[in-house]
Amino acid sequence: EMLYVDRSSVTRWESGKRIPDAIMITRLADCLGVDSGTLL
């Protein structure tokens, strides 16, 4: 909900079936309170 995606997208990222693109990684970093460089 914070990222405006389906829960299934988060599930696929966490399982390694998909990798979020660079823009989404930046948004993920903001939501999770880490530097985007760490996720990249």
All heavy atoms as atom14 arrays in JSON, in Angstrom:
{
  "sequence": "EMLYVDRSSVTRWESGKRIPDAIMITRLADCLGVDSGTLL",
  "atom14_mask": [
    [1, 1, 1, 1, 1, 1, 1, 1, 1, 0, 0, 0, 0, 0],
    [1, 1, 1, 1, 1, 1, 1, 1, 0, 0, 0, 0, 0, 0],
    [1, 1, 1, 1, 1, 1, 1, 1, 0, 0, 0, 0, 0, 0],
    [1, 1, 1, 1, 1, 1, 1, 1, 1, 1, 1, 1, 0, 0],
    [1, 1, 1, 1, 1, 1, 1, 0, 0, 0, 0, 0, 0, 0],
    [1, 1, 1, 1, 1, 1, 1, 1, 0, 0, 0, 0, 0, 0],
    [1, 1, 1, 1, 1, 1, 1, 1, 1, 1, 1, 0, 0, 0],
    [1, 1, 1, 1, 1, 1, 0, 0, 0, 0, 0, 0, 0, 0],
    [1, 1, 1, 1, 1, 1, 0, 0, 0, 0, 0, 0, 0, 0],
    [1, 1, 1, 1, 1, 1, 1, 0, 0, 0, 0, 0, 0, 0],
    [1, 1, 1, 1, 1, 1, 1, 0, 0, 0, 0, 0, 0, 0],
    [1, 1, 1, 1, 1, 1, 1, 1, 1, 1, 1, 0, 0, 0],
    [1, 1, 1, 1, 1, 1, 1, 1, 1, 1, 1, 1, 1, 1],
    [1, 1, 1, 1, 1, 1, 1, 1, 1, 0, 0, 0, 0, 0],
    [1, 1, 1, 1, 1, 1, 0, 0, 0, 0, 0, 0, 0, 0],
    [1, 1, 1, 1, 0, 0, 0, 0, 0, 0, 0, 0, 0, 0],
    [1, 1, 1, 1, 1, 1, 1, 1, 1, 0, 0, 0, 0, 0],
    [1, 1, 1, 1, 1, 1, 1, 1, 1, 1, 1, 0, 0, 0],
    [1, 1, 1, 1, 1, 1, 1, 1, 0, 0, 0, 0, 0, 0],
    [1, 1, 1, 1, 1, 1, 1, 0, 0, 0, 0, 0, 0, 0],
    [1, 1, 1, 1, 1, 1, 1, 1, 0, 0, 0, 0, 0, 0],
    [1, 1, 1, 1, 1, 0, 0, 0, 0, 0, 0, 0, 0, 0],
    [1, 1, 1, 1, 1, 1, 1, 1, 0, 0, 0, 0, 0, 0],
    [1, 1, 1, 1, 1, 1, 1, 1, 0, 0, 0, 0, 0, 0],
    [1, 1, 1, 1, 1, 1, 1, 1, 0, 0, 0, 0, 0, 0],
    [1, 1, 1, 1, 1, 1, 1, 0, 0, 0, 0, 0, 0, 0],
    [1, 1, 1, 1, 1, 1, 1, 1, 1, 1, 1, 0, 0, 0],
    [1, 1, 1, 1, 1, 1, 1, 1, 0, 0, 0, 0, 0, 0],
    [1, 1, 1, 1, 1, 0, 0, 0, 0, 0, 0, 0, 0, 0],
    [1, 1, 1, 1, 1, 1, 1, 1, 0, 0, 0, 0, 0, 0],
    [1, 1, 1, 1, 1, 1, 0, 0, 0, 0, 0, 0, 0, 0],
    [1, 1, 1, 1, 1, 1, 1, 1, 0, 0, 0, 0, 0, 0],
    [1, 1, 1, 1, 0, 0, 0, 0, 0, 0, 0, 0, 0, 0],
    [1, 1, 1, 1, 1, 1, 1, 0, 0, 0, 0, 0, 0, 0],
    [1, 1, 1, 1, 1, 1, 1, 1, 0, 0, 0, 0, 0, 0],
    [1, 1, 1, 1, 1, 1, 0, 0, 0, 0, 0, 0, 0, 0],
    [1, 1, 1, 1, 0, 0, 0, 0, 0, 0, 0, 0, 0, 0],
    [1, 1, 1, 1, 1, 1, 1, 0, 0, 0, 0, 0, 0, 0],
    [1, 1, 1, 1, 1, 1, 1, 1, 0, 0, 0, 0, 0, 0],
    [1, 1, 1, 1, 1, 1, 1, 1, 0, 0, 0, 0, 0, 0]
  ],
  "atom14_positions": [
    [[0.83, -1.21, 0.0], [0.0, 0.0, 0.0], [0.87, 1.26, 0.0], [0.55, 2.24, -0.67], [-0.94, 0.0, 1.21], [-2.03, -1.05, 1.11], [-2.81, -1.24, 2.41], [-2.58, -0.49, 3.39], [-3.64, -2.16, 2.44], [0.0, 0.0, 0.0], [0.0, 0.0, 0.0], [0.0, 0.0, 0.0], [0.0, 0.0, 0.0], [0.0, 0.0, 0.0]],
    [[1.95, 1.23, 0.75], [2.86, 2.38, 0.81], [3.52, 2.65, -0.55], [3.84, 3.79, -0.89], [3.94, 2.14, 1.87], [3.4, 2.08, 3.29], [4.6, 1.4, 4.48], [5.81, 2.71, 4.55], [0.0, 0.0, 0.0], [0.0, 0.0, 0.0], [0.0, 0.0, 0.0], [0.0, 0.0, 0.0], [0.0, 0.0, 0.0], [0.0, 0.0, 0.0]],
    [[3.71, 1.57, -1.34], [4.38, 1.67, -2.64], [3.41, 1.74, -3.82], [3.84, 1.87, -4.96], [5.31, 0.46, -2.82], [6.47, 0.36, -1.84], [7.13, -1.0, -1.94], [7.48, 1.47, -2.1], [0.0, 0.0, 0.0], [0.0, 0.0, 0.0], [0.0, 0.0, 0.0], [0.0, 0.0, 0.0], [0.0, 0.0, 0.0], [0.0, 0.0, 0.0]],
    [[2.12, 1.61, -3.52], [1.07, 1.61, -4.55], [1.25, 0.47, -5.55], [1.18, 0.64, -6.76], [1.02, 2.96, -5.29], [0.86, 4.11, -4.35], [1.94, 4.93, -4.03], [-0.37, 4.37, -3.75], [1.8, 5.98, -3.14], [-0.52, 5.42, -2.86], [0.56, 6.22, -2.55], [0.41, 7.25, -1.67], [0.0, 0.0, 0.0], [0.0, 0.0, 0.0]],
    [[1.54, -0.72, -5.0], [1.65, -1.94, -5.81], [0.79, -3.02, -5.15], [0.3, -2.84, -4.04], [3.12, -2.43, -5.92], [3.98, -1.41, -6.62], [3.7, -2.79, -4.56], [0.0, 0.0, 0.0], [0.0, 0.0, 0.0], [0.0, 0.0, 0.0], [0.0, 0.0, 0.0], [0.0, 0.0, 0.0], [0.0, 0.0, 0.0], [0.0, 0.0, 0.0]],
    [[0.62, -4.14, -5.84], [-0.07, -5.29, -5.25], [0.84, -5.99, -4.26], [2.07, -5.97, -4.4], [-0.46, -6.31, -6.33], [-1.54, -5.81, -7.25], [-2.36, -4.97, -6.83], [-1.56, -6.29, -8.4], [0.0, 0.0, 0.0], [0.0, 0.0, 0.0], [0.0, 0.0, 0.0], [0.0, 0.0, 0.0], [0.0, 0.0, 0.0], [0.0, 0.0, 0.0]],
    [[0.24, -6.66, -3.28], [1.01, -7.43, -2.32], [1.84, -8.51, -3.03], [2.95, -8.84, -2.62], [0.1, -8.09, -1.28], [0.88, -8.78, -0.16], [-0.01, -9.53, 0.81], [-0.74, -10.61, 0.19], [-0.21, -11.8, -0.12], [1.05, -12.05, 0.11], [-0.96, -12.74, -0.67], [0.0, 0.0, 0.0], [0.0, 0.0, 0.0], [0.0, 0.0, 0.0]],
    [[1.3, -9.03, -4.14], [2.02, -10.07, -4.87], [3.37, -9.56, -5.4], [4.32, -10.33, -5.53], [1.17, -10.63, -6.02], [0.87, -9.61, -6.95], [0.0, 0.0, 0.0], [0.0, 0.0, 0.0], [0.0, 0.0, 0.0], [0.0, 0.0, 0.0], [0.0, 0.0, 0.0], [0.0, 0.0, 0.0], [0.0, 0.0, 0.0], [0.0, 0.0, 0.0]],
    [[3.47, -8.27, -5.69], [4.76, -7.71, -6.13], [5.78, -7.81, -5.01], [6.93, -8.21, -5.24], [4.59, -6.24, -6.53], [3.79, -6.12, -7.67], [0.0, 0.0, 0.0], [0.0, 0.0, 0.0], [0.0, 0.0, 0.0], [0.0, 0.0, 0.0], [0.0, 0.0, 0.0], [0.0, 0.0, 0.0], [0.0, 0.0, 0.0], [0.0, 0.0, 0.0]],
    [[5.38, -7.47, -3.79], [6.28, -7.57, -2.64], [6.69, -9.03, -2.42], [7.86, -9.33, -2.19], [5.63, -6.97, -1.37], [6.54, -7.16, -0.16], [5.3, -5.5, -1.58], [0.0, 0.0, 0.0], [0.0, 0.0, 0.0], [0.0, 0.0, 0.0], [0.0, 0.0, 0.0], [0.0, 0.0, 0.0], [0.0, 0.0, 0.0], [0.0, 0.0, 0.0]],
    [[5.72, -9.93, -2.55], [6.01, -11.36, -2.39], [7.04, -11.82, -3.41], [7.99, -12.54, -3.07], [4.72, -12.19, -2.53], [3.78, -11.75, -1.55], [4.98, -13.67, -2.38], [0.0, 0.0, 0.0], [0.0, 0.0, 0.0], [0.0, 0.0, 0.0], [0.0, 0.0, 0.0], [0.0, 0.0, 0.0], [0.0, 0.0, 0.0], [0.0, 0.0, 0.0]],
    [[6.89, -11.42, -4.66], [7.83, -11.82, -5.71], [9.22, -11.23, -5.47], [10.22, -11.89, -5.71], [7.3, -11.45, -7.09], [6.16, -12.35, -7.55], [5.82, -12.14, -9.01], [5.27, -10.82, -9.29], [3.98, -10.52, -9.27], [3.09, -11.44, -9.0], [3.58, -9.3, -9.54], [0.0, 0.0, 0.0], [0.0, 0.0, 0.0], [0.0, 0.0, 0.0]],
    [[9.27, -9.99, -4.98], [10.59, -9.4, -4.68], [11.27, -10.17, -3.57], [12.45, -10.49, -3.66], [10.45, -7.94, -4.26], [9.92, -7.02, -5.3], [10.01, -7.16, -6.67], [9.2, -5.81, -5.07], [9.39, -6.11, -7.29], [8.88, -5.26, -6.34], [8.8, -5.13, -3.94], [8.18, -4.07, -6.48], [8.1, -3.94, -4.08], [7.8, -3.42, -5.34]],
    [[10.52, -10.46, -2.52], [11.12, -11.15, -1.38], [11.52, -12.58, -1.7], [12.47, -13.1, -1.13], [10.16, -11.11, -0.18], [10.03, -9.71, 0.41], [9.16, -9.65, 1.65], [8.6, -10.69, 2.07], [9.03, -8.56, 2.23], [0.0, 0.0, 0.0], [0.0, 0.0, 0.0], [0.0, 0.0, 0.0], [0.0, 0.0, 0.0], [0.0, 0.0, 0.0]],
    [[10.8, -13.22, -2.62], [11.14, -14.6, -2.98], [12.27, -14.65, -4.01], [12.82, -15.7, -4.29], [9.92, -15.32, -3.54], [9.55, -14.77, -4.8], [0.0, 0.0, 0.0], [0.0, 0.0, 0.0], [0.0, 0.0, 0.0], [0.0, 0.0, 0.0], [0.0, 0.0, 0.0], [0.0, 0.0, 0.0], [0.0, 0.0, 0.0], [0.0, 0.0, 0.0]],
    [[12.6, -13.5, -4.6], [13.64, -13.44, -5.61], [13.16, -13.74, -7.01], [13.95, -13.81, -7.94], [0.0, 0.0, 0.0], [0.0, 0.0, 0.0], [0.0, 0.0, 0.0], [0.0, 0.0, 0.0], [0.0, 0.0, 0.0], [0.0, 0.0, 0.0], [0.0, 0.0, 0.0], [0.0, 0.0, 0.0], [0.0, 0.0, 0.0], [0.0, 0.0, 0.0]],
    [[11.85, -13.89, -7.2], [11.32, -14.17, -8.53], [11.37, -12.94, -9.43], [11.4, -13.05, -10.65], [9.89, -14.68, -8.45], [9.79, -16.08, -7.9], [8.38, -16.58, -7.92], [8.31, -17.98, -7.36], [6.93, -18.48, -7.33], [0.0, 0.0, 0.0], [0.0, 0.0, 0.0], [0.0, 0.0, 0.0], [0.0, 0.0, 0.0], [0.0, 0.0, 0.0]],
    [[11.36, -11.79, -8.82], [11.46, -10.53, -9.56], [12.35, -9.58, -8.78], [12.48, -9.67, -7.57], [10.09, -9.88, -9.74], [9.19, -10.69, -10.63], [8.42, -9.83, -11.55], [7.64, -10.67, -12.44], [6.46, -10.35, -12.88], [5.89, -9.24, -12.51], [5.83, -11.14, -13.7], [0.0, 0.0, 0.0], [0.0, 0.0, 0.0], [0.0, 0.0, 0.0]],
    [[12.92, -8.64, -9.51], [13.75, -7.62, -8.89], [13.11, -6.28, -9.2], [12.81, -5.99, -10.37], [15.19, -7.67, -9.43], [15.84, -9.01, -9.05], [16.02, -6.51, -8.91], [17.2, -9.22, -9.64], [0.0, 0.0, 0.0], [0.0, 0.0, 0.0], [0.0, 0.0, 0.0], [0.0, 0.0, 0.0], [0.0, 0.0, 0.0], [0.0, 0.0, 0.0]],
    [[12.89, -5.45, -8.18], [12.3, -4.14, -8.45], [13.24, -3.27, -9.28], [14.47, -3.41, -9.18], [12.07, -3.54, -7.06], [12.95, -4.32, -6.14], [13.17, -5.66, -6.77], [0.0, 0.0, 0.0], [0.0, 0.0, 0.0], [0.0, 0.0, 0.0], [0.0, 0.0, 0.0], [0.0, 0.0, 0.0], [0.0, 0.0, 0.0], [0.0, 0.0, 0.0]],
    [[12.66, -2.38, -10.11], [13.51, -1.5, -10.9], [14.12, -0.43, -9.99], [13.8, -0.32, -8.81], [12.75, -0.9, -12.08], [11.58, -0.02, -11.67], [11.59, 0.54, -10.57], [10.64, 0.11, -12.47], [0.0, 0.0, 0.0], [0.0, 0.0, 0.0], [0.0, 0.0, 0.0], [0.0, 0.0, 0.0], [0.0, 0.0, 0.0], [0.0, 0.0, 0.0]],
    [[15.01, 0.4, -10.55], [15.76, 1.38, -9.76], [14.84, 2.39, -9.07], [15.08, 2.77, -7.92], [16.77, 2.1, -10.64], [0.0, 0.0, 0.0], [0.0, 0.0, 0.0], [0.0, 0.0, 0.0], [0.0, 0.0, 0.0], [0.0, 0.0, 0.0], [0.0, 0.0, 0.0], [0.0, 0.0, 0.0], [0.0, 0.0, 0.0], [0.0, 0.0, 0.0]],
    [[13.79, 2.83, -9.74], [12.86, 3.79, -9.14], [12.15, 3.15, -7.95], [12.03, 3.76, -6.88], [11.84, 4.3, -10.18], [12.57, 5.14, -11.23], [10.72, 5.09, -9.52], [11.75, 5.48, -12.44], [0.0, 0.0, 0.0], [0.0, 0.0, 0.0], [0.0, 0.0, 0.0], [0.0, 0.0, 0.0], [0.0, 0.0, 0.0], [0.0, 0.0, 0.0]],
    [[11.73, 1.9, -8.11], [11.04, 1.22, -7.02], [12.0, 0.95, -5.86], [11.6, 1.0, -4.7], [10.4, -0.09, -7.52], [9.51, -0.74, -6.48], [8.16, 0.32, -5.87], [7.12, 0.42, -7.32], [0.0, 0.0, 0.0], [0.0, 0.0, 0.0], [0.0, 0.0, 0.0], [0.0, 0.0, 0.0], [0.0, 0.0, 0.0], [0.0, 0.0, 0.0]],
    [[13.26, 0.67, -6.16], [14.24, 0.46, -5.09], [14.38, 1.73, -4.26], [14.47, 1.68, -3.04], [15.59, -0.02, -5.66], [15.45, -1.48, -6.12], [16.71, 0.12, -4.64], [16.66, -2.06, -6.76], [0.0, 0.0, 0.0], [0.0, 0.0, 0.0], [0.0, 0.0, 0.0], [0.0, 0.0, 0.0], [0.0, 0.0, 0.0], [0.0, 0.0, 0.0]],
    [[14.39, 2.88, -4.92], [14.46, 4.16, -4.21], [13.24, 4.34, -3.3], [13.37, 4.74, -2.14], [14.56, 5.33, -5.21], [15.72, 5.13, -6.02], [14.66, 6.66, -4.5], [0.0, 0.0, 0.0], [0.0, 0.0, 0.0], [0.0, 0.0, 0.0], [0.0, 0.0, 0.0], [0.0, 0.0, 0.0], [0.0, 0.0, 0.0], [0.0, 0.0, 0.0]],
    [[12.06, 4.01, -3.82], [10.84, 4.12, -3.01], [10.85, 3.11, -1.87], [10.43, 3.43, -0.74], [9.61, 3.93, -3.91], [9.43, 5.1, -4.88], [8.35, 4.89, -5.9], [7.05, 4.7, -5.29], [5.99, 4.2, -5.92], [6.1, 3.85, -7.2], [4.85, 4.05, -5.3], [0.0, 0.0, 0.0], [0.0, 0.0, 0.0], [0.0, 0.0, 0.0]],
    [[11.33, 1.9, -2.12], [11.45, 0.89, -1.07], [12.37, 1.38, 0.04], [12.07, 1.23, 1.22], [12.01, -0.42, -1.66], [11.05, -1.45, -2.18], [11.78, -2.48, -3.03], [10.3, -2.12, -1.06], [0.0, 0.0, 0.0], [0.0, 0.0, 0.0], [0.0, 0.0, 0.0], [0.0, 0.0, 0.0], [0.0, 0.0, 0.0], [0.0, 0.0, 0.0]],
    [[13.51, 1.95, -0.37], [14.47, 2.45, 0.61], [13.82, 3.5, 1.51], [14.01, 3.48, 2.74], [15.7, 3.02, -0.09], [0.0, 0.0, 0.0], [0.0, 0.0, 0.0], [0.0, 0.0, 0.0], [0.0, 0.0, 0.0], [0.0, 0.0, 0.0], [0.0, 0.0, 0.0], [0.0, 0.0, 0.0], [0.0, 0.0, 0.0], [0.0, 0.0, 0.0]],
    [[13.05, 4.41, 0.93], [12.36, 5.44, 1.72], [11.39, 4.8, 2.71], [11.36, 5.18, 3.89], [11.61, 6.41, 0.82], [12.53, 7.33, 0.03], [13.71, 7.46, 0.41], [12.07, 7.91, -0.98], [0.0, 0.0, 0.0], [0.0, 0.0, 0.0], [0.0, 0.0, 0.0], [0.0, 0.0, 0.0], [0.0, 0.0, 0.0], [0.0, 0.0, 0.0]],
    [[10.61, 3.84, 2.25], [9.62, 3.18, 3.11], [10.27, 2.36, 4.23], [9.73, 2.27, 5.32], [8.71, 2.27, 2.28], [7.61, 3.16, 1.18], [0.0, 0.0, 0.0], [0.0, 0.0, 0.0], [0.0, 0.0, 0.0], [0.0, 0.0, 0.0], [0.0, 0.0, 0.0], [0.0, 0.0, 0.0], [0.0, 0.0, 0.0], [0.0, 0.0, 0.0]],
    [[11.44, 1.78, 3.92], [12.1, 0.91, 4.89], [13.15, 1.64, 5.73], [13.78, 1.05, 6.59], [12.72, -0.3, 4.18], [11.72, -1.2, 3.45], [12.45, -2.25, 2.62], [10.77, -1.87, 4.44], [0.0, 0.0, 0.0], [0.0, 0.0, 0.0], [0.0, 0.0, 0.0], [0.0, 0.0, 0.0], [0.0, 0.0, 0.0], [0.0, 0.0, 0.0]],
    [[13.34, 2.94, 5.45], [14.23, 3.76, 6.25], [15.7, 3.45, 6.08], [16.48, 3.51, 7.03], [0.0, 0.0, 0.0], [0.0, 0.0, 0.0], [0.0, 0.0, 0.0], [0.0, 0.0, 0.0], [0.0, 0.0, 0.0], [0.0, 0.0, 0.0], [0.0, 0.0, 0.0], [0.0, 0.0, 0.0], [0.0, 0.0, 0.0], [0.0, 0.0, 0.0]],
    [[16.09, 3.11, 4.84], [17.51, 2.87, 4.56], [17.93, 3.71, 3.37], [17.1, 4.23, 2.63], [17.81, 1.37, 4.28], [17.55, 0.52, 5.49], [17.05, 0.86, 3.08], [0.0, 0.0, 0.0], [0.0, 0.0, 0.0], [0.0, 0.0, 0.0], [0.0, 0.0, 0.0], [0.0, 0.0, 0.0], [0.0, 0.0, 0.0], [0.0, 0.0, 0.0]],
    [[19.22, 3.82, 3.18], [19.76, 4.53, 2.03], [19.5, 3.71, 0.77], [19.68, 2.48, 0.77], [21.27, 4.74, 2.25], [21.92, 5.45, 1.09], [21.58, 6.62, 0.86], [22.76, 4.82, 0.42], [0.0, 0.0, 0.0], [0.0, 0.0, 0.0], [0.0, 0.0, 0.0], [0.0, 0.0, 0.0], [0.0, 0.0, 0.0], [0.0, 0.0, 0.0]],
    [[19.08, 4.37, -0.31], [18.79, 3.63, -1.54], [20.04, 2.94, -2.08], [19.95, 1.88, -2.7], [18.18, 4.54, -2.6], [19.05, 5.6, -2.91], [0.0, 0.0, 0.0], [0.0, 0.0, 0.0], [0.0, 0.0, 0.0], [0.0, 0.0, 0.0], [0.0, 0.0, 0.0], [0.0, 0.0, 0.0], [0.0, 0.0, 0.0], [0.0, 0.0, 0.0]],
    [[21.22, 3.51, -1.82], [22.47, 2.88, -2.25], [22.67, 1.51, -1.63], [23.23, 0.6, -2.26], [0.0, 0.0, 0.0], [0.0, 0.0, 0.0], [0.0, 0.0, 0.0], [0.0, 0.0, 0.0], [0.0, 0.0, 0.0], [0.0, 0.0, 0.0], [0.0, 0.0, 0.0], [0.0, 0.0, 0.0], [0.0, 0.0, 0.0], [0.0, 0.0, 0.0]],
    [[22.18, 1.35, -0.4], [22.29, 0.06, 0.28], [21.48, -1.0, -0.47], [21.96, -2.11, -0.69], [21.79, 0.18, 1.73], [22.52, 1.21, 2.38], [21.96, -1.12, 2.48], [0.0, 0.0, 0.0], [0.0, 0.0, 0.0], [0.0, 0.0, 0.0], [0.0, 0.0, 0.0], [0.0, 0.0, 0.0], [0.0, 0.0, 0.0], [0.0, 0.0, 0.0]],
    [[20.24, -0.64, -0.85], [19.41, -1.6, -1.59], [19.96, -1.83, -2.99], [19.95, -2.96, -3.48], [17.96, -1.12, -1.66], [17.12, -1.27, -0.41], [15.69, -0.78, -0.66], [17.1, -2.69, 0.08], [0.0, 0.0, 0.0], [0.0, 0.0, 0.0], [0.0, 0.0, 0.0], [0.0, 0.0, 0.0], [0.0, 0.0, 0.0], [0.0, 0.0, 0.0]],
    [[20.44, -0.77, -3.65], [21.02, -0.94, -4.98], [22.25, -1.84, -4.93], [22.47, -2.65, -5.82], [21.37, 0.41, -5.6], [20.18, 1.22, -6.11], [20.61, 2.63, -6.46], [19.53, 0.54, -7.3], [0.0, 0.0, 0.0], [0.0, 0.0, 0.0], [0.0, 0.0, 0.0], [0.0, 0.0, 0.0], [0.0, 0.0, 0.0], [0.0, 0.0, 0.0]]
  ]
}
